[in-house]
Amino acid sequence: MDLFDNIGPLDYRYYGRDAKIFELLRPFLSENARIKYQAKVEAALAKALAKKGICPEEIAEEIEKASLLVTAEEVYAEEDKIKHDVRALANCIRAKVSAKAKPFVHFSATSYDIVDTANALRFKESAEQALLPALLALEKLFMEIALREKETLQIGRTHGQHAEPITFGFAIASYVSRLGGRIKAIETAKNNLCGKFSGAVGAYNASSLFFENPFEFENEIMRELGLKTSVSSTQIVEAEPLADLMHAIISCFGVLANFADDMRHLQRSEIGEVGETFDARQVGSSTMPQKRNPINFENVKSLWKEFMPRMNTVYLDQVSEHQRDLTNSASQRFLPEMVAALFLSAKRMEKTAGKMSVDRKNMEQNFAKSRGMLVAEPLYMLLAFHGHPDAHEEVRKLTLKAQAEKLSLQEIIKKEASLKPFLKKFSKKQLEIIENPEKYTGFAAKKTEKIIEHWKKELRIIKPNFYL
């Protein structure tokens, strides 16, 4: 079977042809990885058994070595015979050890002691070693763009309409903050993932046959793996820690989708404030040679549309009948795709935003289209401050008059005798803003700097050398 025989688009389209991306994801999210992590839990179990005197250390070492050799291919071949995936794993390990070691493979375990603990470990490590580094690299890039463009004048937009002046760096800084918050949420959630070793119904029935303190035995296995122990478990771990991680992942995906959508709209022909860099041989349309479409921004939004609804399935998996049913078994096998999709989108956004062009001239031209009306807010505020009894209504009427006469608001107010007593009270700085709305950007640049400094500090907790 070649790459293009795969059914899943993530496999054949989004990372299958990129060896670097594949090598970053494969150790955590592939089916071979799932088996390797389950085998790692089996090895940790054997080590804990040896520490508690149930089996000799050399037996535990033998089981650990055998566990490292197990492949998904042989486990699936065994499962085809016996129709049980975890028992198939145990049988494959048993086939590689001595007769003395065989009894201690999977000893006192139930299937989901292995499955849920292995999932917690691989999702934790995939977040630590792949997903979070990719998101932090994107966050660093957003910070650099925000600081570079902190003084770049841009018209703010609300409801798709021109609003008040801002700077482009300020617009990007909002994504610095939102992405930073989601990075912290993923960090917290992955650290809260937990495993369990409490048996078939969570009451430690099997382990109680051999240990006076089965809780400590469970903790010993989790220490070996670097995981927290589930405070309460049935046959499965509590569903919420994994749901929290997936929620953090999908809500982070939403931030990337919003950024991509904003940049896509700013790339519209009639706006033209940013643009994706086009490679020399890149084709934008199969029929219109001139087209340069925002394909990377659109791709991220499209992937988000596919994976965001899957969060519903994660929430559905919170419900399991009594001590456990099998209704989460198939659905949870698709969770690695959610991690992979966000990772791929973060890498794509980093590459695209890193080469994104900013057309400051077009930003100035777009700003100029509304320049004559932009002083409405400061004019209203200042008139009210200086005693005008109905400033908002007065300025509203003046804007209508300006539109009707095709004049700027500045030109209209100069002709309004009723405003002169109030305008005389304006300070030099206030009058300057009315005359030059380009200066009416508030504290956009300073706020941008504050946002960047805040998140540099916050994210150094996760990565001490972040942004150094």
Protein backbone atom coordinates (compact mmCIF):
# COMPACT_ATOMS: atom_id res chain seq x y z
CA MET A 1 0.00 0.00 0.00
CA ASP A 2 1.39 3.41 -0.91
CA LEU A 3 0.70 6.73 0.80
CA PHE A 4 -2.22 7.53 -1.48
CA ASP A 5 -4.05 4.34 -0.58
CA ASN A 6 -4.78 5.90 2.82
CA ILE A 7 -8.34 7.01 3.49
CA GLY A 8 -7.69 9.79 6.02
CA PRO A 9 -6.73 13.17 4.47
CA LEU A 10 -4.39 13.90 7.38
CA ASP A 11 -2.33 10.90 6.31
CA TYR A 12 -2.06 11.40 2.57
CA ARG A 13 -2.43 15.17 2.26
CA TYR A 14 -1.50 17.12 5.36
CA TYR A 15 1.57 15.37 6.75
CA GLY A 16 2.17 12.15 4.86
CA ARG A 17 4.38 13.85 2.24
CA ASP A 18 6.31 15.88 4.80
CA ALA A 19 8.91 13.66 6.46
CA LYS A 20 9.76 16.22 9.16
CA ILE A 21 6.15 16.67 10.23
CA PHE A 22 5.57 12.92 10.12
CA GLU A 23 8.56 12.26 12.34
CA LEU A 24 7.32 14.79 14.90
CA LEU A 25 3.87 13.21 15.16
CA ARG A 26 4.55 9.52 14.55
CA PRO A 27 6.12 8.75 17.96
CA PHE A 28 2.93 9.84 19.76
CA LEU A 29 -0.08 9.64 17.49
CA SER A 30 0.42 6.69 15.16
CA GLU A 31 -1.02 3.26 15.75
CA ASN A 32 2.48 1.92 16.36
CA ALA A 33 2.83 4.63 19.01
CA ARG A 34 -0.42 3.59 20.68
CA ILE A 35 0.88 0.04 21.02
CA LYS A 36 4.30 1.25 22.21
CA TYR A 37 2.73 3.36 24.94
CA GLN A 38 0.53 0.49 26.09
CA ALA A 39 3.60 -1.77 26.17
CA LYS A 40 5.39 0.90 28.21
CA VAL A 41 2.61 0.73 30.80
CA GLU A 42 2.95 -3.05 30.89
CA ALA A 43 6.67 -2.59 31.57
CA ALA A 44 5.96 -0.08 34.35
CA LEU A 45 3.58 -2.59 35.90
CA ALA A 46 6.30 -5.25 35.93
CA LYS A 47 8.74 -2.84 37.58
CA ALA A 48 6.23 -2.00 40.29
CA LEU A 49 5.58 -5.71 40.88
CA ALA A 50 9.29 -6.22 41.40
CA LYS A 51 9.55 -3.29 43.82
CA LYS A 52 6.72 -4.80 45.84
CA GLY A 53 8.37 -8.21 45.90
CA ILE A 54 5.81 -9.97 43.72
CA CYS A 55 8.41 -10.95 41.13
CA PRO A 56 12.23 -10.76 40.93
CA GLU A 57 13.84 -7.71 39.33
CA GLU A 58 15.30 -9.81 36.53
CA ILE A 59 11.75 -10.86 35.58
CA ALA A 60 10.70 -7.20 35.41
CA GLU A 61 13.73 -6.42 33.26
CA GLU A 62 12.87 -9.29 30.95
CA ILE A 63 9.30 -8.05 30.56
CA GLU A 64 10.50 -4.51 29.93
CA LYS A 65 12.89 -5.64 27.17
CA ALA A 66 10.15 -7.72 25.58
CA SER A 67 7.71 -4.81 25.73
CA LEU A 68 10.09 -2.62 23.75
CA LEU A 69 10.09 -5.16 20.90
CA VAL A 70 6.34 -5.46 20.40
CA THR A 71 4.91 -4.03 17.17
CA ALA A 72 1.41 -3.04 16.16
CA GLU A 73 1.55 -5.52 13.30
CA GLU A 74 2.01 -8.54 15.55
CA VAL A 75 -0.54 -7.29 18.08
CA TYR A 76 -3.14 -6.92 15.35
CA ALA A 77 -2.33 -10.39 14.01
CA GLU A 78 -2.90 -11.81 17.49
CA GLU A 79 -6.09 -9.79 17.93
CA ASP A 80 -7.43 -11.26 14.69
CA LYS A 81 -7.15 -14.67 16.37
CA ILE A 82 -8.48 -13.92 19.86
CA LYS A 83 -10.68 -10.83 19.22
CA HIS A 84 -9.32 -8.76 22.12
CA ASP A 85 -6.78 -6.00 21.61
CA VAL A 86 -5.19 -5.67 25.06
CA ARG A 87 -5.04 -9.40 25.68
CA ALA A 88 -3.38 -9.61 22.27
CA LEU A 89 -0.74 -7.15 23.48
CA ALA A 90 -0.17 -9.22 26.63
CA ASN A 91 0.15 -12.40 24.57
CA CYS A 92 2.72 -10.79 22.27
CA ILE A 93 4.82 -9.77 25.28
CA ARG A 94 4.41 -13.23 26.83
CA ALA A 95 5.66 -14.82 23.62
CA LYS A 96 8.97 -13.00 24.05
CA VAL A 97 9.71 -13.89 27.69
CA SER A 98 10.68 -17.00 29.61
CA ALA A 99 8.22 -19.37 31.25
CA LYS A 100 9.14 -17.86 34.64
CA ALA A 101 8.21 -14.36 33.45
CA LYS A 102 4.97 -15.22 31.66
CA PRO A 103 2.72 -15.17 34.77
CA PHE A 104 3.71 -11.59 35.59
CA VAL A 105 2.83 -10.05 32.23
CA HIS A 106 -0.36 -8.01 32.73
CA PHE A 107 -0.52 -9.36 36.30
CA SER A 108 -3.50 -7.90 38.25
CA ALA A 109 -4.33 -5.50 35.39
CA THR A 110 -7.54 -4.91 33.53
CA SER A 111 -7.51 -3.66 29.96
CA TYR A 112 -8.24 -0.04 30.73
CA ASP A 113 -5.60 0.15 33.42
CA ILE A 114 -3.36 -0.13 30.37
CA VAL A 115 -5.37 1.76 27.74
CA ASP A 116 -6.34 4.86 29.72
CA THR A 117 -2.93 5.18 31.37
CA ALA A 118 -1.17 4.82 28.00
CA ASN A 119 -3.46 7.43 26.43
CA ALA A 120 -2.80 9.88 29.24
CA LEU A 121 0.94 9.42 28.81
CA ARG A 122 1.04 9.76 25.04
CA PHE A 123 -1.24 12.79 24.95
CA LYS A 124 0.80 14.42 27.69
CA GLU A 125 4.07 13.77 25.88
CA SER A 126 2.68 14.74 22.47
CA ALA A 127 1.64 18.09 23.96
CA GLU A 128 5.03 18.59 25.64
CA GLN A 129 7.25 17.56 22.76
CA ALA A 130 5.27 18.49 19.64
CA LEU A 131 2.15 20.60 20.10
CA LEU A 132 3.30 23.16 22.68
CA PRO A 133 6.64 23.87 20.94
CA ALA A 134 4.74 24.52 17.69
CA LEU A 135 2.29 26.86 19.43
CA LEU A 136 5.05 28.70 21.27
CA ALA A 137 6.90 29.27 18.00
CA LEU A 138 3.72 30.73 16.49
CA GLU A 139 3.18 32.88 19.58
CA LYS A 140 6.71 34.23 19.30
CA LEU A 141 6.07 35.14 15.66
CA PHE A 142 2.80 36.90 16.55
CA MET A 143 4.69 38.91 19.17
CA GLU A 144 7.32 39.94 16.64
CA ILE A 145 4.69 41.07 14.12
CA ALA A 146 2.76 42.96 16.81
CA LEU A 147 5.84 44.86 17.97
CA ARG A 148 6.98 45.57 14.42
CA GLU A 149 3.57 46.97 13.47
CA LYS A 150 2.64 48.60 16.79
CA GLU A 151 2.64 52.09 15.20
CA THR A 152 1.21 51.07 11.81
CA LEU A 153 -2.03 53.00 11.37
CA GLN A 154 -5.07 50.88 10.51
CA ILE A 155 -8.78 51.51 10.53
CA GLY A 156 -10.55 49.44 13.17
CA ARG A 157 -13.58 47.47 12.01
CA THR A 158 -16.71 46.41 13.85
CA HIS A 159 -19.67 44.71 12.16
CA GLY A 160 -17.66 44.86 8.94
CA GLN A 161 -17.72 48.66 9.03
CA HIS A 162 -14.99 51.21 9.63
CA ALA A 163 -14.89 52.11 13.33
CA GLU A 164 -12.07 53.92 15.16
CA PRO A 165 -8.35 54.14 14.35
CA ILE A 166 -6.08 51.43 15.76
CA THR A 167 -2.70 50.05 14.78
CA PHE A 168 -2.12 46.77 12.98
CA GLY A 169 0.21 45.68 15.78
CA PHE A 170 -2.61 46.21 18.29
CA ALA A 171 -4.86 43.98 16.17
CA ILE A 172 -2.23 41.23 16.17
CA ALA A 173 -1.61 41.67 19.92
CA SER A 174 -5.13 40.47 20.64
CA TYR A 175 -4.14 37.14 19.07
CA VAL A 176 -0.94 37.10 21.11
CA SER A 177 -3.09 37.26 24.22
CA ARG A 178 -5.70 34.76 23.09
CA LEU A 179 -3.12 32.24 21.90
CA GLY A 180 -1.08 32.72 25.08
CA GLY A 181 -4.14 31.90 27.16
CA ARG A 182 -4.78 28.72 25.20
CA ILE A 183 -1.13 27.66 25.48
CA LYS A 184 -1.43 27.95 29.24
CA ALA A 185 -4.71 26.02 29.16
CA ILE A 186 -3.10 23.18 27.18
CA GLU A 187 -0.13 23.18 29.55
CA THR A 188 -2.41 22.95 32.59
CA ALA A 189 -4.65 20.30 31.04
CA LYS A 190 -1.83 18.03 29.92
CA ASN A 191 -0.32 18.17 33.42
CA ASN A 192 -3.67 17.08 34.86
CA LEU A 193 -3.92 13.95 32.73
CA CYS A 194 -3.91 10.90 34.96
CA GLY A 195 -3.67 7.15 34.83
CA LYS A 196 -5.21 4.43 36.93
CA PHE A 197 -4.50 0.92 38.17
CA SER A 198 -7.64 0.14 40.10
CA GLY A 199 -8.88 -2.91 38.26
CA ALA A 200 -12.02 -3.98 36.46
CA VAL A 201 -14.50 -1.80 38.39
CA GLY A 202 -12.11 0.61 40.09
CA ALA A 203 -12.34 -1.00 43.54
CA TYR A 204 -8.84 -2.59 43.49
CA ASN A 205 -10.36 -6.08 43.69
CA ALA A 206 -7.48 -7.87 41.97
CA SER A 207 -4.61 -5.89 43.50
CA SER A 208 -6.14 -6.23 46.98
CA LEU A 209 -5.38 -9.95 46.77
CA PHE A 210 -1.66 -9.17 46.87
CA PHE A 211 -1.17 -5.75 48.47
CA GLU A 212 -2.22 -4.38 51.82
CA ASN A 213 -2.04 -0.93 50.24
CA PRO A 214 -3.08 -1.20 46.58
CA PHE A 215 -3.27 2.61 46.41
CA GLU A 216 0.48 2.83 46.91
CA PHE A 217 1.00 0.13 44.27
CA GLU A 218 -1.05 2.22 41.82
CA ASN A 219 0.93 5.34 42.73
CA GLU A 220 4.19 3.47 42.18
CA ILE A 221 3.20 2.66 38.59
CA MET A 222 2.21 6.26 37.93
CA ARG A 223 5.48 7.56 39.39
CA GLU A 224 7.34 5.26 37.04
CA LEU A 225 5.46 6.81 34.11
CA GLY A 226 5.49 10.40 35.34
CA LEU A 227 1.71 10.66 35.60
CA LYS A 228 -0.77 11.73 38.23
CA THR A 229 -3.02 9.07 39.70
CA SER A 230 -6.72 9.40 39.05
CA VAL A 231 -8.40 10.39 42.31
CA SER A 232 -11.38 8.24 41.48
CA SER A 233 -11.73 5.68 38.73
CA THR A 234 -14.04 2.88 37.70
CA GLN A 235 -12.81 0.57 34.99
CA ILE A 236 -11.82 3.80 33.26
CA VAL A 237 -10.24 7.03 34.46
CA GLU A 238 -12.44 10.03 35.08
CA ALA A 239 -13.31 11.45 31.67
CA GLU A 240 -12.88 15.11 32.53
CA PRO A 241 -9.07 15.57 32.45
CA LEU A 242 -8.89 14.29 28.86
CA ALA A 243 -11.98 16.30 27.94
CA ASP A 244 -10.29 19.40 29.38
CA LEU A 245 -7.22 18.83 27.22
CA MET A 246 -9.28 18.34 24.09
CA HIS A 247 -11.33 21.43 24.92
CA ALA A 248 -8.13 23.46 25.30
CA ILE A 249 -6.91 22.10 21.98
CA ILE A 250 -10.12 22.86 20.11
CA SER A 251 -10.54 26.32 21.64
CA CYS A 252 -6.93 27.02 20.66
CA PHE A 253 -7.83 25.89 17.16
CA GLY A 254 -10.62 28.48 17.24
CA VAL A 255 -8.08 31.25 17.92
CA LEU A 256 -6.04 30.17 14.90
CA ALA A 257 -9.20 29.98 12.77
CA ASN A 258 -10.21 33.50 13.83
CA PHE A 259 -6.74 34.86 13.03
CA ALA A 260 -6.78 33.09 9.66
CA ASP A 261 -10.23 34.46 8.89
CA ASP A 262 -9.22 38.02 9.79
CA MET A 263 -6.13 37.84 7.59
CA ARG A 264 -8.15 36.27 4.77
CA HIS A 265 -10.59 39.19 4.83
CA LEU A 266 -7.77 41.74 4.96
CA GLN A 267 -6.42 40.11 1.81
CA ARG A 268 -9.64 40.80 -0.13
CA SER A 269 -9.03 42.66 -3.41
CA GLU A 270 -10.96 45.70 -2.22
CA ILE A 271 -9.07 45.82 1.10
CA GLY A 272 -5.59 44.53 0.26
CA GLU A 273 -3.95 45.27 3.60
CA VAL A 274 -2.09 41.97 3.96
CA GLY A 275 -1.15 39.18 1.61
CA GLU A 276 0.16 35.65 1.61
CA THR A 277 3.48 35.36 -0.14
CA PHE A 278 3.11 33.54 -3.45
CA ASP A 279 5.87 31.22 -4.63
CA ALA A 280 7.30 31.90 -8.07
CA ARG A 281 5.64 28.82 -9.59
CA GLN A 282 2.50 28.82 -7.46
CA VAL A 283 -0.88 28.71 -9.23
CA GLY A 284 -3.92 30.44 -7.72
CA SER A 285 -6.60 29.21 -10.10
CA SER A 286 -6.93 26.53 -12.76
CA THR A 287 -8.57 29.05 -15.09
CA MET A 288 -7.64 32.57 -13.87
CA PRO A 289 -3.85 32.95 -14.08
CA GLN A 290 -3.89 36.25 -12.17
CA LYS A 291 -5.47 34.83 -9.01
CA ARG A 292 -3.54 34.79 -5.72
CA ASN A 293 -5.84 33.21 -3.21
CA PRO A 294 -5.31 33.12 0.58
CA ILE A 295 -5.20 29.33 0.53
CA ASN A 296 -3.24 28.82 3.75
CA PHE A 297 -5.51 31.04 5.82
CA GLU A 298 -8.52 29.33 4.27
CA ASN A 299 -7.07 25.89 4.91
CA VAL A 300 -6.69 26.53 8.64
CA LYS A 301 -10.27 27.71 8.92
CA SER A 302 -11.42 24.69 6.92
CA LEU A 303 -9.56 22.25 9.18
CA TRP A 304 -11.05 23.96 12.22
CA LYS A 305 -14.53 23.45 10.74
CA GLU A 306 -13.81 19.74 10.50
CA PHE A 307 -12.34 19.23 13.95
CA MET A 308 -14.26 21.70 16.11
CA PRO A 309 -17.52 19.64 15.97
CA ARG A 310 -15.62 16.57 17.14
CA MET A 311 -15.58 18.15 20.58
CA ASN A 312 -19.20 17.05 20.83
CA THR A 313 -18.01 13.45 20.69
CA VAL A 314 -15.50 14.12 23.48
CA TYR A 315 -18.34 15.42 25.64
CA LEU A 316 -20.45 12.39 24.74
CA ASP A 317 -17.61 10.18 25.94
CA GLN A 318 -18.03 11.64 29.43
CA VAL A 319 -21.09 9.42 29.75
CA SER A 320 -20.30 5.76 30.43
CA GLU A 321 -22.82 3.33 31.90
CA HIS A 322 -22.13 2.35 35.51
CA GLN A 323 -18.50 1.29 35.90
CA ARG A 324 -17.93 1.25 32.15
CA ASP A 325 -19.45 0.49 28.77
CA LEU A 326 -17.74 0.21 25.40
CA THR A 327 -19.24 3.29 23.74
CA ASN A 328 -16.04 5.34 24.05
CA SER A 329 -13.77 2.68 22.61
CA ALA A 330 -14.06 3.50 18.91
CA SER A 331 -14.63 7.25 19.31
CA GLN A 332 -11.49 7.80 21.40
CA ARG A 333 -9.31 6.29 18.69
CA PHE A 334 -9.87 9.46 16.66
CA LEU A 335 -8.54 11.82 19.34
CA PRO A 336 -4.97 11.79 17.94
CA GLU A 337 -6.32 13.42 14.78
CA MET A 338 -7.48 16.43 16.81
CA VAL A 339 -3.97 16.90 18.21
CA ALA A 340 -2.42 16.40 14.77
CA ALA A 341 -4.78 18.86 13.07
CA LEU A 342 -3.97 21.67 15.51
CA PHE A 343 -0.26 20.93 15.26
CA LEU A 344 -0.39 21.03 11.45
CA SER A 345 -2.39 24.26 11.48
CA ALA A 346 0.03 25.92 13.90
CA LYS A 347 2.96 24.99 11.67
CA ARG A 348 1.12 26.25 8.60
CA MET A 349 0.21 29.53 10.29
CA GLU A 350 3.80 30.06 11.41
CA LYS A 351 5.07 29.55 7.87
CA THR A 352 2.36 31.73 6.31
CA ALA A 353 2.36 34.59 8.83
CA GLY A 354 6.14 34.63 8.81
CA LYS A 355 6.10 35.55 5.11
CA MET A 356 2.93 37.66 5.21
CA SER A 357 3.25 41.04 3.53
CA VAL A 358 1.75 44.13 5.18
CA ASP A 359 0.67 46.83 2.73
CA ARG A 360 0.92 50.00 4.80
CA LYS A 361 0.02 52.17 1.81
CA ASN A 362 -3.29 50.35 1.37
CA MET A 363 -3.92 50.64 5.09
CA GLU A 364 -3.47 54.40 4.79
CA GLN A 365 -5.75 54.57 1.75
CA ASN A 366 -8.46 52.55 3.50
CA PHE A 367 -8.12 54.78 6.53
CA ALA A 368 -8.51 57.85 4.33
CA LYS A 369 -11.89 56.62 3.07
CA SER A 370 -13.38 57.27 6.52
CA ARG A 371 -11.03 59.98 7.71
CA GLY A 372 -13.64 62.69 7.41
CA MET A 373 -16.01 60.92 9.80
CA LEU A 374 -13.62 59.40 12.29
CA VAL A 375 -13.66 62.42 14.59
CA ALA A 376 -17.34 61.83 15.45
CA GLU A 377 -16.55 59.95 18.66
CA PRO A 378 -13.89 62.31 20.07
CA LEU A 379 -15.99 65.31 19.01
CA TYR A 380 -19.04 63.98 20.81
CA MET A 381 -17.03 63.09 23.92
CA LEU A 382 -15.28 66.43 24.10
CA LEU A 383 -18.45 68.45 23.45
CA ALA A 384 -20.16 66.59 26.28
CA PHE A 385 -17.16 67.14 28.55
CA HIS A 386 -17.24 70.87 27.82
CA GLY A 387 -20.93 71.19 28.68
CA HIS A 388 -22.93 70.54 25.50
CA PRO A 389 -26.38 69.34 26.67
CA ASP A 390 -27.01 66.83 23.83
CA ALA A 391 -23.65 66.18 22.23
CA HIS A 392 -24.31 62.71 20.81
CA GLU A 393 -27.45 63.77 18.95
CA GLU A 394 -25.80 66.95 17.73
CA VAL A 395 -22.84 65.08 16.27
CA ARG A 396 -25.11 62.43 14.76
CA LYS A 397 -26.98 65.12 12.84
CA LEU A 398 -23.72 66.71 11.75
CA THR A 399 -22.50 63.41 10.30
CA LEU A 400 -25.68 63.15 8.23
CA LYS A 401 -25.18 66.70 7.04
CA ALA A 402 -21.56 66.00 6.14
CA GLN A 403 -22.59 62.96 4.12
CA ALA A 404 -25.32 64.88 2.33
CA GLU A 405 -23.01 67.76 1.44
CA LYS A 406 -20.07 65.42 0.70
CA LEU A 407 -17.86 67.25 3.17
CA SER A 408 -15.69 66.07 6.03
CA LEU A 409 -16.99 66.41 9.55
CA GLN A 410 -14.14 68.82 10.26
CA GLU A 411 -15.39 71.11 7.48
CA ILE A 412 -18.97 70.95 8.75
CA ILE A 413 -18.18 71.82 12.37
CA LYS A 414 -16.21 74.89 11.29
CA LYS A 415 -19.44 76.26 9.78
CA GLU A 416 -21.60 75.52 12.84
CA ALA A 417 -21.88 78.73 14.85
CA SER A 418 -23.62 76.93 17.72
CA LEU A 419 -20.47 74.86 18.35
CA LYS A 420 -18.01 77.74 18.56
CA PRO A 421 -18.51 78.44 22.30
CA PHE A 422 -17.72 74.81 23.05
CA LEU A 423 -14.83 74.48 20.60
CA LYS A 424 -13.15 77.46 22.27
CA LYS A 425 -12.88 75.35 25.41
CA PHE A 426 -10.98 72.57 23.64
CA SER A 427 -7.30 72.29 24.52
CA LYS A 428 -4.65 72.42 21.82
CA LYS A 429 -4.21 68.65 22.05
CA GLN A 430 -7.95 68.06 21.77
CA LEU A 431 -8.25 70.28 18.72
CA GLU A 432 -5.29 68.50 17.16
CA ILE A 433 -7.10 65.18 17.40
CA ILE A 434 -10.18 66.66 15.74
CA GLU A 435 -8.02 67.97 12.90
CA ASN A 436 -5.81 64.88 12.67
CA PRO A 437 -7.75 61.68 13.38
CA GLU A 438 -4.59 59.69 12.54
CA LYS A 439 -3.49 60.57 16.07
CA TYR A 440 -6.67 59.17 17.59
CA THR A 441 -5.27 55.68 18.22
CA GLY A 442 -5.55 55.89 21.99
CA PHE A 443 -3.00 53.69 23.71
CA ALA A 444 -2.92 51.05 20.96
CA ALA A 445 0.89 51.00 20.71
CA LYS A 446 1.45 51.02 24.48
CA LYS A 447 -1.21 48.36 25.03
CA THR A 448 0.49 46.22 22.41
CA GLU A 449 3.76 46.47 24.35
CA LYS A 450 2.02 45.63 27.63
CA ILE A 451 0.35 42.57 26.12
CA ILE A 452 3.65 41.29 24.75
CA GLU A 453 5.49 41.81 28.04
CA HIS A 454 2.71 40.09 29.97
CA TRP A 455 2.76 36.98 27.81
CA LYS A 456 6.54 36.80 27.63
CA LYS A 457 6.54 36.59 31.42
CA GLU A 458 3.65 34.13 31.60
CA LEU A 459 5.03 31.77 28.98
CA ARG A 460 8.51 31.65 30.49
CA ILE A 461 6.86 29.56 33.20
CA ILE A 462 6.26 26.93 30.52
CA LYS A 463 9.49 27.49 28.59
CA PRO A 464 12.12 29.37 30.65
CA ASN A 465 14.02 30.61 27.59
CA PHE A 466 10.89 31.69 25.74
CA TYR A 467 11.59 34.64 23.44
CA LEU A 468 15.21 34.97 24.50
